[in-house]
Amino acid sequence: MALANTEIVHEGWLVKSPPTKRIWRAKWRRRWFVLKHSGELPGQYFLEYYTDRTCRKLKGKIDLDQCEQVDSGLTIESRKQRYAHMFDIRTPKRVYFLAADSESDMNSWVGCICHVCGLK
């Protein structure tokens, strides 16, 4: 089953929000995201994020088994920054806000995440 561990469904750059309580005070960070099979259980997927596309420094991981809902087409604006092409991933513990570079990029991410999570 070692081959399944390298099964990458989708990857690319996204800008990630900090945890909701600090959404305006902390920096939103550009991260390299990799949607892949866990390699452990059938149908288990993770969305991992790294500092860059070499994937050497794992910054975090979203367990998509915990995904309850995905919303797309969001926009958030502060005095310093405006993020369009946003979507969120809702889990019991946290809501992750992610911003893509384009609408087509956002739609591609949302489609892949919804597919592996079994959402419509």
PDB file of N, CA and C in Angstrom:
ATOM      1  N   MET A   1       0.824  -1.204   0.000  1.00  0.00           N
ATOM      2  CA  MET A   1       0.000   0.000   0.000  1.00  0.00           C
ATOM      3  C   MET A   1       0.867   1.267   0.000  1.00  0.00           C
ATOM      4  N   ALA A   2       2.157   1.143  -0.139  1.00  0.00           N
ATOM      5  CA  ALA A   2       3.058   2.291  -0.117  1.00  0.00           C
ATOM      6  C   ALA A   2       2.814   3.237  -1.293  1.00  0.00           C
ATOM      7  N   LEU A   3       2.356   2.712  -2.412  1.00  0.00           N
ATOM      8  CA  LEU A   3       2.096   3.557  -3.580  1.00  0.00           C
ATOM      9  C   LEU A   3       0.972   4.544  -3.333  1.00  0.00           C
ATOM     10  N   ALA A   4      -0.034   4.141  -2.566  1.00  0.00           N
ATOM     11  CA  ALA A   4      -1.177   5.028  -2.303  1.00  0.00           C
ATOM     12  C   ALA A   4      -0.747   6.277  -1.552  1.00  0.00           C
ATOM     13  N   ASN A   5       0.335   6.170  -0.773  1.00  0.00           N
ATOM     14  CA  ASN A   5       0.812   7.302  -0.003  1.00  0.00           C
ATOM     15  C   ASN A   5       1.272   8.447  -0.900  1.00  0.00           C
ATOM     16  N   THR A   6       1.666   8.146  -2.121  1.00  0.00           N
ATOM     17  CA  THR A   6       2.146   9.186  -3.021  1.00  0.00           C
ATOM     18  C   THR A   6       1.054   9.640  -4.001  1.00  0.00           C
ATOM     19  N   GLU A   7      -0.159   9.132  -3.838  1.00  0.00           N
ATOM     20  CA  GLU A   7      -1.242   9.491  -4.744  1.00  0.00           C
ATOM     21  C   GLU A   7      -1.690  10.937  -4.480  1.00  0.00           C
ATOM     22  N   ILE A   8      -1.218  11.841  -5.319  1.00  0.00           N
ATOM     23  CA  ILE A   8      -1.584  13.248  -5.186  1.00  0.00           C
ATOM     24  C   ILE A   8      -2.786  13.516  -6.087  1.00  0.00           C
ATOM     25  N   VAL A   9      -3.855  14.020  -5.489  1.00  0.00           N
ATOM     26  CA  VAL A   9      -5.072  14.318  -6.228  1.00  0.00           C
ATOM     27  C   VAL A   9      -4.978  15.707  -6.867  1.00  0.00           C
ATOM     28  N   HIS A  10      -4.436  16.672  -6.101  1.00  0.00           N
ATOM     29  CA  HIS A  10      -4.342  18.055  -6.585  1.00  0.00           C
ATOM     30  C   HIS A  10      -3.292  18.772  -5.751  1.00  0.00           C
ATOM     31  N   GLU A  11      -2.607  19.739  -6.348  1.00  0.00           N
ATOM     32  CA  GLU A  11      -1.647  20.535  -5.593  1.00  0.00           C
ATOM     33  C   GLU A  11      -1.512  21.919  -6.209  1.00  0.00           C
ATOM     34  N   GLY A  12      -1.110  22.881  -5.391  1.00  0.00           N
ATOM     35  CA  GLY A  12      -0.925  24.235  -5.882  1.00  0.00           C
ATOM     36  C   GLY A  12      -0.879  25.245  -4.755  1.00  0.00           C
ATOM     37  N   TRP A  13      -0.691  26.505  -5.134  1.00  0.00           N
ATOM     38  CA  TRP A  13      -0.595  27.597  -4.155  1.00  0.00           C
ATOM     39  C   TRP A  13      -1.973  28.066  -3.718  1.00  0.00           C
ATOM     40  N   LEU A  14      -2.120  28.295  -2.415  1.00  0.00           N
ATOM     41  CA  LEU A  14      -3.301  28.922  -1.831  1.00  0.00           C
ATOM     42  C   LEU A  14      -2.822  29.836  -0.710  1.00  0.00           C
ATOM     43  N   VAL A  15      -3.631  30.843  -0.392  1.00  0.00           N
ATOM     44  CA  VAL A  15      -3.347  31.691   0.760  1.00  0.00           C
ATOM     45  C   VAL A  15      -4.288  31.228   1.869  1.00  0.00           C
ATOM     46  N   LYS A  16      -3.709  30.949   3.048  1.00  0.00           N
ATOM     47  CA  LYS A  16      -4.464  30.380   4.163  1.00  0.00           C
ATOM     48  C   LYS A  16      -4.631  31.393   5.281  1.00  0.00           C
ATOM     49  N   SER A  17      -5.837  31.411   5.846  1.00  0.00           N
ATOM     50  CA  SER A  17      -6.104  32.294   6.979  1.00  0.00           C
ATOM     51  C   SER A  17      -5.492  31.720   8.250  1.00  0.00           C
ATOM     52  N   PRO A  18      -5.237  32.598   9.217  1.00  0.00           N
ATOM     53  CA  PRO A  18      -4.869  32.101  10.546  1.00  0.00           C
ATOM     54  C   PRO A  18      -6.130  31.559  11.227  1.00  0.00           C
ATOM     55  N   PRO A  19      -6.000  30.946  12.419  1.00  0.00           N
ATOM     56  CA  PRO A  19      -7.209  30.507  13.127  1.00  0.00           C
ATOM     57  C   PRO A  19      -8.196  31.664  13.303  1.00  0.00           C
ATOM     58  N   THR A  20      -9.478  31.360  13.283  1.00  0.00           N
ATOM     59  CA  THR A  20     -10.546  32.362  13.238  1.00  0.00           C
ATOM     60  C   THR A  20     -10.420  33.463  14.283  1.00  0.00           C
ATOM     61  N   LYS A  21     -10.003  33.144  15.492  1.00  0.00           N
ATOM     62  CA  LYS A  21      -9.909  34.161  16.548  1.00  0.00           C
ATOM     63  C   LYS A  21      -8.904  35.253  16.207  1.00  0.00           C
ATOM     64  N   ARG A  22      -7.922  34.919  15.371  1.00  0.00           N
ATOM     65  CA  ARG A  22      -6.890  35.894  15.003  1.00  0.00           C
ATOM     66  C   ARG A  22      -6.972  36.275  13.535  1.00  0.00           C
ATOM     67  N   ILE A  23      -8.127  36.125  12.926  1.00  0.00           N
ATOM     68  CA  ILE A  23      -8.241  36.258  11.472  1.00  0.00           C
ATOM     69  C   ILE A  23      -7.783  37.630  10.950  1.00  0.00           C
ATOM     70  N   TRP A  24      -7.917  38.679  11.743  1.00  0.00           N
ATOM     71  CA  TRP A  24      -7.479  39.999  11.269  1.00  0.00           C
ATOM     72  C   TRP A  24      -6.117  40.396  11.806  1.00  0.00           C
ATOM     73  N   ARG A  25      -5.737  39.895  12.971  1.00  0.00           N
ATOM     74  CA  ARG A  25      -4.472  40.329  13.568  1.00  0.00           C
ATOM     75  C   ARG A  25      -3.268  39.585  13.019  1.00  0.00           C
ATOM     76  N   ALA A  26      -3.433  38.321  12.739  1.00  0.00           N
ATOM     77  CA  ALA A  26      -2.303  37.529  12.246  1.00  0.00           C
ATOM     78  C   ALA A  26      -2.256  37.568  10.719  1.00  0.00           C
ATOM     79  N   LYS A  27      -1.120  37.192  10.184  1.00  0.00           N
ATOM     80  CA  LYS A  27      -0.920  37.229   8.731  1.00  0.00           C
ATOM     81  C   LYS A  27      -1.541  36.032   8.025  1.00  0.00           C
ATOM     82  N   TRP A  28      -2.134  36.316   6.899  1.00  0.00           N
ATOM     83  CA  TRP A  28      -2.539  35.248   5.990  1.00  0.00           C
ATOM     84  C   TRP A  28      -1.264  34.840   5.266  1.00  0.00           C
ATOM     85  N   ARG A  29      -1.056  33.533   5.096  1.00  0.00           N
ATOM     86  CA  ARG A  29       0.194  33.048   4.513  1.00  0.00           C
ATOM     87  C   ARG A  29      -0.039  32.251   3.240  1.00  0.00           C
ATOM     88  N   ARG A  30       0.837  32.481   2.281  1.00  0.00           N
ATOM     89  CA  ARG A  30       0.811  31.724   1.030  1.00  0.00           C
ATOM     90  C   ARG A  30       1.514  30.398   1.280  1.00  0.00           C
ATOM     91  N   ARG A  31       0.809  29.311   0.996  1.00  0.00           N
ATOM     92  CA  ARG A  31       1.342  27.968   1.251  1.00  0.00           C
ATOM     93  C   ARG A  31       1.129  27.076   0.030  1.00  0.00           C
ATOM     94  N   TRP A  32       1.990  26.082  -0.101  1.00  0.00           N
ATOM     95  CA  TRP A  32       1.859  25.068  -1.144  1.00  0.00           C
ATOM     96  C   TRP A  32       0.997  23.950  -0.564  1.00  0.00           C
ATOM     97  N   PHE A  33      -0.180  23.714  -1.145  1.00  0.00           N
ATOM     98  CA  PHE A  33      -1.122  22.713  -0.654  1.00  0.00           C
ATOM     99  C   PHE A  33      -1.068  21.461  -1.518  1.00  0.00           C
ATOM    100  N   VAL A  34      -1.155  20.306  -0.853  1.00  0.00           N
ATOM    101  CA  VAL A  34      -1.154  19.018  -1.532  1.00  0.00           C
ATOM    102  C   VAL A  34      -2.322  18.199  -0.991  1.00  0.00           C
ATOM    103  N   LEU A  35      -3.254  17.868  -1.884  1.00  0.00           N
ATOM    104  CA  LEU A  35      -4.389  17.015  -1.534  1.00  0.00           C
ATOM    105  C   LEU A  35      -4.006  15.602  -1.916  1.00  0.00           C
ATOM    106  N   LYS A  36      -3.911  14.712  -0.908  1.00  0.00           N
ATOM    107  CA  LYS A  36      -3.479  13.355  -1.226  1.00  0.00           C
ATOM    108  C   LYS A  36      -4.120  12.316  -0.327  1.00  0.00           C
ATOM    109  N   HIS A  37      -4.061  11.093  -0.806  1.00  0.00           N
ATOM    110  CA  HIS A  37      -4.564   9.948  -0.065  1.00  0.00           C
ATOM    111  C   HIS A  37      -3.657   9.711   1.136  1.00  0.00           C
ATOM    112  N   SER A  38      -4.239   9.310   2.252  1.00  0.00           N
ATOM    113  CA  SER A  38      -3.452   9.102   3.471  1.00  0.00           C
ATOM    114  C   SER A  38      -2.475   7.940   3.356  1.00  0.00           C
ATOM    115  N   GLY A  39      -2.815   6.964   2.505  1.00  0.00           N
ATOM    116  CA  GLY A  39      -1.974   5.780   2.406  1.00  0.00           C
ATOM    117  C   GLY A  39      -2.260   4.770   3.492  1.00  0.00           C
ATOM    118  N   GLU A  40      -3.200   5.092   4.369  1.00  0.00           N
ATOM    119  CA  GLU A  40      -3.524   4.205   5.489  1.00  0.00           C
ATOM    120  C   GLU A  40      -4.876   3.533   5.306  1.00  0.00           C
ATOM    121  N   LEU A  41      -5.923   4.323   5.256  1.00  0.00           N
ATOM    122  CA  LEU A  41      -7.274   3.787   5.122  1.00  0.00           C
ATOM    123  C   LEU A  41      -7.847   4.132   3.760  1.00  0.00           C
ATOM    124  N   PRO A  42      -8.614   3.235   3.159  1.00  0.00           N
ATOM    125  CA  PRO A  42      -9.245   3.562   1.869  1.00  0.00           C
ATOM    126  C   PRO A  42     -10.185   4.761   2.042  1.00  0.00           C
ATOM    127  N   GLY A  43     -10.105   5.686   1.123  1.00  0.00           N
ATOM    128  CA  GLY A  43     -10.996   6.844   1.165  1.00  0.00           C
ATOM    129  C   GLY A  43     -10.616   7.904   2.169  1.00  0.00           C
ATOM    130  N   GLN A  44      -9.438   7.789   2.795  1.00  0.00           N
ATOM    131  CA  GLN A  44      -8.996   8.812   3.755  1.00  0.00           C
ATOM    132  C   GLN A  44      -8.019   9.756   3.050  1.00  0.00           C
ATOM    133  N   TYR A  45      -8.341  11.044   3.074  1.00  0.00           N
ATOM    134  CA  TYR A  45      -7.521  12.046   2.394  1.00  0.00           C
ATOM    135  C   TYR A  45      -7.119  13.155   3.358  1.00  0.00           C
ATOM    136  N   PHE A  46      -5.964  13.730   3.090  1.00  0.00           N
ATOM    137  CA  PHE A  46      -5.467  14.867   3.857  1.00  0.00           C
ATOM    138  C   PHE A  46      -5.147  16.006   2.901  1.00  0.00           C
ATOM    139  N   LEU A  47      -5.304  17.213   3.391  1.00  0.00           N
ATOM    140  CA  LEU A  47      -4.863  18.396   2.677  1.00  0.00           C
ATOM    141  C   LEU A  47      -3.687  18.933   3.488  1.00  0.00           C
ATOM    142  N   GLU A  48      -2.481  18.690   3.000  1.00  0.00           N
ATOM    143  CA  GLU A  48      -1.280  19.116   3.704  1.00  0.00           C
ATOM    144  C   GLU A  48      -0.803  20.442   3.126  1.00  0.00           C
ATOM    145  N   TYR A  49      -0.160  21.249   3.974  1.00  0.00           N
ATOM    146  CA  TYR A  49       0.393  22.496   3.451  1.00  0.00           C
ATOM    147  C   TYR A  49       1.812  22.712   3.949  1.00  0.00           C
ATOM    148  N   TYR A  50       2.596  23.283   3.029  1.00  0.00           N
ATOM    149  CA  TYR A  50       4.039  23.445   3.202  1.00  0.00           C
ATOM    150  C   TYR A  50       4.432  24.891   2.934  1.00  0.00           C
ATOM    151  N   THR A  51       5.657  25.237   3.333  1.00  0.00           N
ATOM    152  CA  THR A  51       6.148  26.594   3.078  1.00  0.00           C
ATOM    153  C   THR A  51       6.409  26.824   1.592  1.00  0.00           C
ATOM    154  N   ASP A  52       6.815  25.753   0.869  1.00  0.00           N
ATOM    155  CA  ASP A  52       7.064  25.911  -0.571  1.00  0.00           C
ATOM    156  C   ASP A  52       6.828  24.586  -1.290  1.00  0.00           C
ATOM    157  N   ARG A  53       7.001  24.608  -2.604  1.00  0.00           N
ATOM    158  CA  ARG A  53       6.634  23.435  -3.404  1.00  0.00           C
ATOM    159  C   ARG A  53       7.619  22.272  -3.309  1.00  0.00           C
ATOM    160  N   THR A  54       8.734  22.434  -2.592  1.00  0.00           N
ATOM    161  CA  THR A  54       9.636  21.297  -2.386  1.00  0.00           C
ATOM    162  C   THR A  54       9.050  20.319  -1.363  1.00  0.00           C
ATOM    163  N   CYS A  55       8.069  20.765  -0.596  1.00  0.00           N
ATOM    164  CA  CYS A  55       7.357  19.935   0.394  1.00  0.00           C
ATOM    165  C   CYS A  55       8.281  19.375   1.477  1.00  0.00           C
ATOM    166  N   ARG A  56       9.321  20.130   1.806  1.00  0.00           N
ATOM    167  CA  ARG A  56      10.244  19.662   2.844  1.00  0.00           C
ATOM    168  C   ARG A  56       9.756  20.020   4.246  1.00  0.00           C
ATOM    169  N   LYS A  57       9.099  21.172   4.403  1.00  0.00           N
ATOM    170  CA  LYS A  57       8.675  21.604   5.731  1.00  0.00           C
ATOM    171  C   LYS A  57       7.154  21.627   5.813  1.00  0.00           C
ATOM    172  N   LEU A  58       6.601  20.558   6.407  1.00  0.00           N
ATOM    173  CA  LEU A  58       5.158  20.461   6.595  1.00  0.00           C
ATOM    174  C   LEU A  58       4.732  21.467   7.657  1.00  0.00           C
ATOM    175  N   LYS A  59       3.802  22.359   7.299  1.00  0.00           N
ATOM    176  CA  LYS A  59       3.317  23.370   8.236  1.00  0.00           C
ATOM    177  C   LYS A  59       2.021  22.931   8.920  1.00  0.00           C
ATOM    178  N   GLY A  60       1.258  22.076   8.255  1.00  0.00           N
ATOM    179  CA  GLY A  60       0.012  21.619   8.847  1.00  0.00           C
ATOM    180  C   GLY A  60      -0.704  20.640   7.954  1.00  0.00           C
ATOM    181  N   LYS A  61      -1.795  20.094   8.502  1.00  0.00           N
ATOM    182  CA  LYS A  61      -2.530  19.058   7.784  1.00  0.00           C
ATOM    183  C   LYS A  61      -4.006  19.172   8.165  1.00  0.00           C
ATOM    184  N   ILE A  62      -4.875  19.120   7.173  1.00  0.00           N
ATOM    185  CA  ILE A  62      -6.321  19.122   7.401  1.00  0.00           C
ATOM    186  C   ILE A  62      -6.828  17.720   7.087  1.00  0.00           C
ATOM    187  N   ASP A  63      -7.415  17.070   8.081  1.00  0.00           N
ATOM    188  CA  ASP A  63      -7.975  15.727   7.905  1.00  0.00           C
ATOM    189  C   ASP A  63      -9.338  15.885   7.239  1.00  0.00           C
ATOM    190  N   LEU A  64      -9.427  15.500   5.977  1.00  0.00           N
ATOM    191  CA  LEU A  64     -10.673  15.697   5.236  1.00  0.00           C
ATOM    192  C   LEU A  64     -11.760  14.705   5.631  1.00  0.00           C
ATOM    193  N   ASP A  65     -11.435  13.705   6.465  1.00  0.00           N
ATOM    194  CA  ASP A  65     -12.477  12.856   7.053  1.00  0.00           C
ATOM    195  C   ASP A  65     -13.372  13.687   7.969  1.00  0.00           C
ATOM    196  N   GLN A  66     -12.816  14.781   8.492  1.00  0.00           N
ATOM    197  CA  GLN A  66     -13.545  15.661   9.411  1.00  0.00           C
ATOM    198  C   GLN A  66     -14.321  16.762   8.685  1.00  0.00           C
ATOM    199  N   CYS A  67     -14.176  16.840   7.365  1.00  0.00           N
ATOM    200  CA  CYS A  67     -14.814  17.899   6.575  1.00  0.00           C
ATOM    201  C   CYS A  67     -16.330  17.751   6.601  1.00  0.00           C
ATOM    202  N   GLU A  68     -17.018  18.799   7.056  1.00  0.00           N
ATOM    203  CA  GLU A  68     -18.475  18.792   7.123  1.00  0.00           C
ATOM    204  C   GLU A  68     -19.109  19.579   5.979  1.00  0.00           C
ATOM    205  N   GLN A  69     -18.383  20.602   5.511  1.00  0.00           N
ATOM    206  CA  GLN A  69     -18.958  21.499   4.506  1.00  0.00           C
ATOM    207  C   GLN A  69     -17.844  22.274   3.814  1.00  0.00           C
ATOM    208  N   VAL A  70     -18.072  22.600   2.537  1.00  0.00           N
ATOM    209  CA  VAL A  70     -17.156  23.447   1.772  1.00  0.00           C
ATOM    210  C   VAL A  70     -18.007  24.528   1.113  1.00  0.00           C
ATOM    211  N   ASP A  71     -17.636  25.783   1.325  1.00  0.00           N
ATOM    212  CA  ASP A  71     -18.345  26.915   0.704  1.00  0.00           C
ATOM    213  C   ASP A  71     -17.375  27.627  -0.226  1.00  0.00           C
ATOM    214  N   SER A  72     -17.863  28.033  -1.397  1.00  0.00           N
ATOM    215  CA  SER A  72     -16.975  28.723  -2.338  1.00  0.00           C
ATOM    216  C   SER A  72     -17.547  30.068  -2.746  1.00  0.00           C
ATOM    217  N   GLY A  73     -16.708  30.847  -3.415  1.00  0.00           N
ATOM    218  CA  GLY A  73     -17.137  32.153  -3.901  1.00  0.00           C
ATOM    219  C   GLY A  73     -17.199  33.203  -2.811  1.00  0.00           C
ATOM    220  N   LEU A  74     -16.412  33.041  -1.767  1.00  0.00           N
ATOM    221  CA  LEU A  74     -16.397  33.997  -0.658  1.00  0.00           C
ATOM    222  C   LEU A  74     -15.410  35.120  -0.965  1.00  0.00           C
ATOM    223  N   THR A  75     -15.602  36.253  -0.311  1.00  0.00           N
ATOM    224  CA  THR A  75     -14.671  37.374  -0.410  1.00  0.00           C
ATOM    225  C   THR A  75     -14.496  37.956   0.978  1.00  0.00           C
ATOM    226  N   ILE A  76     -13.287  38.324   1.320  1.00  0.00           N
ATOM    227  CA  ILE A  76     -13.031  38.967   2.605  1.00  0.00           C
ATOM    228  C   ILE A  76     -12.142  40.175   2.351  1.00  0.00           C
ATOM    229  N   GLU A  77     -12.409  41.227   3.084  1.00  0.00           N
ATOM    230  CA  GLU A  77     -11.685  42.459   2.837  1.00  0.00           C
ATOM    231  C   GLU A  77     -11.324  43.114   4.167  1.00  0.00           C
ATOM    232  N   SER A  78     -10.096  43.573   4.276  1.00  0.00           N
ATOM    233  CA  SER A  78      -9.670  44.370   5.427  1.00  0.00           C
ATOM    234  C   SER A  78      -9.049  45.642   4.870  1.00  0.00           C
ATOM    235  N   ARG A  79      -8.573  46.480   5.740  1.00  0.00           N
ATOM    236  CA  ARG A  79      -7.947  47.716   5.260  1.00  0.00           C
ATOM    237  C   ARG A  79      -6.683  47.421   4.461  1.00  0.00           C
ATOM    238  N   LYS A  80      -5.995  46.343   4.833  1.00  0.00           N
ATOM    239  CA  LYS A  80      -4.714  46.024   4.185  1.00  0.00           C
ATOM    240  C   LYS A  80      -4.854  45.099   2.985  1.00  0.00           C
ATOM    241  N   GLN A  81      -5.796  44.193   3.027  1.00  0.00           N
ATOM    242  CA  GLN A  81      -5.822  43.110   2.051  1.00  0.00           C
ATOM    243  C   GLN A  81      -7.243  42.785   1.599  1.00  0.00           C
ATOM    244  N   ARG A  82      -7.352  42.328   0.370  1.00  0.00           N
ATOM    245  CA  ARG A  82      -8.625  41.853  -0.148  1.00  0.00           C
ATOM    246  C   ARG A  82      -8.393  40.490  -0.774  1.00  0.00           C
ATOM    247  N   TYR A  83      -9.195  39.524  -0.345  1.00  0.00           N
ATOM    248  CA  TYR A  83      -9.090  38.178  -0.905  1.00  0.00           C
ATOM    249  C   TYR A  83     -10.381  37.829  -1.622  1.00  0.00           C
ATOM    250  N   ALA A  84     -10.270  37.598  -2.918  1.00  0.00           N
ATOM    251  CA  ALA A  84     -11.390  37.101  -3.711  1.00  0.00           C
ATOM    252  C   ALA A  84     -11.071  35.632  -3.996  1.00  0.00           C
ATOM    253  N   HIS A  85     -11.936  34.945  -4.686  1.00  0.00           N
ATOM    254  CA  HIS A  85     -11.711  33.540  -5.043  1.00  0.00           C
ATOM    255  C   HIS A  85     -11.433  32.687  -3.805  1.00  0.00           C
ATOM    256  N   MET A  86     -12.227  32.945  -2.762  1.00  0.00           N
ATOM    257  CA  MET A  86     -12.040  32.226  -1.512  1.00  0.00           C
ATOM    258  C   MET A  86     -13.025  31.086  -1.359  1.00  0.00           C
ATOM    259  N   PHE A  87     -12.601  30.104  -0.574  1.00  0.00           N
ATOM    260  CA  PHE A  87     -13.503  29.032  -0.164  1.00  0.00           C
ATOM    261  C   PHE A  87     -13.125  28.646   1.255  1.00  0.00           C
ATOM    262  N   ASP A  88     -13.996  27.904   1.899  1.00  0.00           N
ATOM    263  CA  ASP A  88     -13.667  27.446   3.238  1.00  0.00           C
ATOM    264  C   ASP A  88     -13.875  25.943   3.348  1.00  0.00           C
ATOM    265  N   ILE A  89     -13.199  25.378   4.326  1.00  0.00           N
ATOM    266  CA  ILE A  89     -13.358  23.973   4.685  1.00  0.00           C
ATOM    267  C   ILE A  89     -13.761  23.971   6.148  1.00  0.00           C
ATOM    268  N   ARG A  90     -14.950  23.442   6.423  1.00  0.00           N
ATOM    269  CA  ARG A  90     -15.456  23.441   7.794  1.00  0.00           C
ATOM    270  C   ARG A  90     -15.280  22.063   8.426  1.00  0.00           C
ATOM    271  N   THR A  91     -14.604  22.056   9.576  1.00  0.00           N
ATOM    272  CA  THR A  91     -14.441  20.847  10.378  1.00  0.00           C
ATOM    273  C   THR A  91     -15.013  21.157  11.762  1.00  0.00           C
ATOM    274  N   PRO A  92     -15.247  20.149  12.606  1.00  0.00           N
ATOM    275  CA  PRO A  92     -15.773  20.435  13.951  1.00  0.00           C
ATOM    276  C   PRO A  92     -14.871  21.353  14.769  1.00  0.00           C
ATOM    277  N   LYS A  93     -13.567  21.301  14.539  1.00  0.00           N
ATOM    278  CA  LYS A  93     -12.629  22.090  15.348  1.00  0.00           C
ATOM    279  C   LYS A  93     -12.291  23.457  14.781  1.00  0.00           C
ATOM    280  N   ARG A  94     -12.419  23.631  13.457  1.00  0.00           N
ATOM    281  CA  ARG A  94     -11.951  24.877  12.853  1.00  0.00           C
ATOM    282  C   ARG A  94     -12.548  25.083  11.467  1.00  0.00           C
ATOM    283  N   VAL A  95     -12.647  26.347  11.081  1.00  0.00           N
ATOM    284  CA  VAL A  95     -13.004  26.695   9.707  1.00  0.00           C
ATOM    285  C   VAL A  95     -11.736  27.248   9.066  1.00  0.00           C
ATOM    286  N   TYR A  96     -11.310  26.616   7.978  1.00  0.00           N
ATOM    287  CA  TYR A  96     -10.125  27.055   7.230  1.00  0.00           C
ATOM    288  C   TYR A  96     -10.590  27.903   6.064  1.00  0.00           C
ATOM    289  N   PHE A  97     -10.127  29.146   5.991  1.00  0.00           N
ATOM    290  CA  PHE A  97     -10.411  30.002   4.857  1.00  0.00           C
ATOM    291  C   PHE A  97      -9.201  29.978   3.940  1.00  0.00           C
ATOM    292  N   LEU A  98      -9.446  29.692   2.663  1.00  0.00           N
ATOM    293  CA  LEU A  98      -8.373  29.578   1.686  1.00  0.00           C
ATOM    294  C   LEU A  98      -8.699  30.436   0.473  1.00  0.00           C
ATOM    295  N   ALA A  99      -7.690  31.093  -0.074  1.00  0.00           N
ATOM    296  CA  ALA A  99      -7.888  31.955  -1.241  1.00  0.00           C
ATOM    297  C   ALA A  99      -7.003  31.467  -2.387  1.00  0.00           C
ATOM    298  N   ALA A 100      -7.613  31.294  -3.546  1.00  0.00           N
ATOM    299  CA  ALA A 100      -6.896  30.873  -4.752  1.00  0.00           C
ATOM    300  C   ALA A 100      -6.551  32.107  -5.582  1.00  0.00           C
ATOM    301  N   ASP A 101      -5.678  31.912  -6.565  1.00  0.00           N
ATOM    302  CA  ASP A 101      -5.257  33.023  -7.423  1.00  0.00           C
ATOM    303  C   ASP A 101      -6.306  33.401  -8.464  1.00  0.00           C
ATOM    304  N   SER A 102      -7.194  32.468  -8.801  1.00  0.00           N
ATOM    305  CA  SER A 102      -8.199  32.740  -9.830  1.00  0.00           C
ATOM    306  C   SER A 102      -9.477  31.971  -9.504  1.00  0.00           C
ATOM    307  N   GLU A 103     -10.547  32.327 -10.188  1.00  0.00           N
ATOM    308  CA  GLU A 103     -11.823  31.637  -9.988  1.00  0.00           C
ATOM    309  C   GLU A 103     -11.734  30.185 -10.458  1.00  0.00           C
ATOM    310  N   SER A 104     -11.048  29.954 -11.585  1.00  0.00           N
ATOM    311  CA  SER A 104     -10.934  28.580 -12.085  1.00  0.00           C
ATOM    312  C   SER A 104     -10.103  27.720 -11.132  1.00  0.00           C
ATOM    313  N   ASP A 105      -9.072  28.311 -10.542  1.00  0.00           N
ATOM    314  CA  ASP A 105      -8.254  27.613  -9.549  1.00  0.00           C
ATOM    315  C   ASP A 105      -9.106  27.247  -8.329  1.00  0.00           C
ATOM    316  N   MET A 106      -9.899  28.196  -7.861  1.00  0.00           N
ATOM    317  CA  MET A 106     -10.788  27.959  -6.723  1.00  0.00           C
ATOM    318  C   MET A 106     -11.766  26.834  -7.034  1.00  0.00           C
ATOM    319  N   ASN A 107     -12.382  26.888  -8.223  1.00  0.00           N
ATOM    320  CA  ASN A 107     -13.355  25.856  -8.609  1.00  0.00           C
ATOM    321  C   ASN A 107     -12.712  24.475  -8.689  1.00  0.00           C
ATOM    322  N   SER A 108     -11.479  24.435  -9.155  1.00  0.00           N
ATOM    323  CA  SER A 108     -10.759  23.166  -9.247  1.00  0.00           C
ATOM    324  C   SER A 108     -10.503  22.585  -7.862  1.00  0.00           C
ATOM    325  N   TRP A 109     -10.030  23.423  -6.926  1.00  0.00           N
ATOM    326  CA  TRP A 109      -9.797  22.976  -5.555  1.00  0.00           C
ATOM    327  C   TRP A 109     -11.093  22.498  -4.909  1.00  0.00           C
ATOM    328  N   VAL A 110     -12.141  23.301  -5.020  1.00  0.00           N
ATOM    329  CA  VAL A 110     -13.427  22.954  -4.393  1.00  0.00           C
ATOM    330  C   VAL A 110     -13.959  21.641  -4.970  1.00  0.00           C
ATOM    331  N   GLY A 111     -13.856  21.469  -6.283  1.00  0.00           N
ATOM    332  CA  GLY A 111     -14.319  20.245  -6.920  1.00  0.00           C
ATOM    333  C   GLY A 111     -13.577  19.012  -6.412  1.00  0.00           C
ATOM    334  N   CYS A 112     -12.253  19.114  -6.308  1.00  0.00           N
ATOM    335  CA  CYS A 112     -11.446  17.991  -5.830  1.00  0.00           C
ATOM    336  C   CYS A 112     -11.726  17.668  -4.366  1.00  0.00           C
ATOM    337  N   ILE A 113     -11.823  18.708  -3.544  1.00  0.00           N
ATOM    338  CA  ILE A 113     -12.079  18.486  -2.106  1.00  0.00           C
ATOM    339  C   ILE A 113     -13.459  17.897  -1.894  1.00  0.00           C
ATOM    340  N   CYS A 114     -14.458  18.438  -2.570  1.00  0.00           N
ATOM    341  CA  CYS A 114     -15.820  17.900  -2.445  1.00  0.00           C
ATOM    342  C   CYS A 114     -15.882  16.453  -2.919  1.00  0.00           C
ATOM    343  N   HIS A 115     -15.148  16.145  -3.972  1.00  0.00           N
ATOM    344  CA  HIS A 115     -15.135  14.786  -4.505  1.00  0.00           C
ATOM    345  C   HIS A 115     -14.589  13.783  -3.480  1.00  0.00           C
ATOM    346  N   VAL A 116     -13.425  14.086  -2.890  1.00  0.00           N
ATOM    347  CA  VAL A 116     -12.826  13.156  -1.933  1.00  0.00           C
ATOM    348  C   VAL A 116     -13.591  13.110  -0.608  1.00  0.00           C
ATOM    349  N   CYS A 117     -14.326  14.186  -0.299  1.00  0.00           N
ATOM    350  CA  CYS A 117     -15.116  14.224   0.943  1.00  0.00           C
ATOM    351  C   CYS A 117     -16.514  13.646   0.753  1.00  0.00           C
ATOM    352  N   GLY A 118     -16.883  13.382  -0.509  1.00  0.00           N
ATOM    353  CA  GLY A 118     -18.218  12.860  -0.779  1.00  0.00           C
ATOM    354  C   GLY A 118     -19.300  13.911  -0.651  1.00  0.00           C
ATOM    355  N   LEU A 119     -18.930  15.184  -0.877  1.00  0.00           N
ATOM    356  CA  LEU A 119     -19.905  16.285  -0.820  1.00  0.00           C
ATOM    357  C   LEU A 119     -20.333  16.664  -2.226  1.00  0.00           C
ATOM    358  N   LYS A 120     -21.489  17.312  -2.348  1.00  0.00           N
ATOM    359  CA  LYS A 120     -21.972  17.745  -3.671  1.00  0.00           C
ATOM    360  C   LYS A 120     -21.601  19.173  -3.917  1.00  0.00           C
TER     361      LYS A 120
END
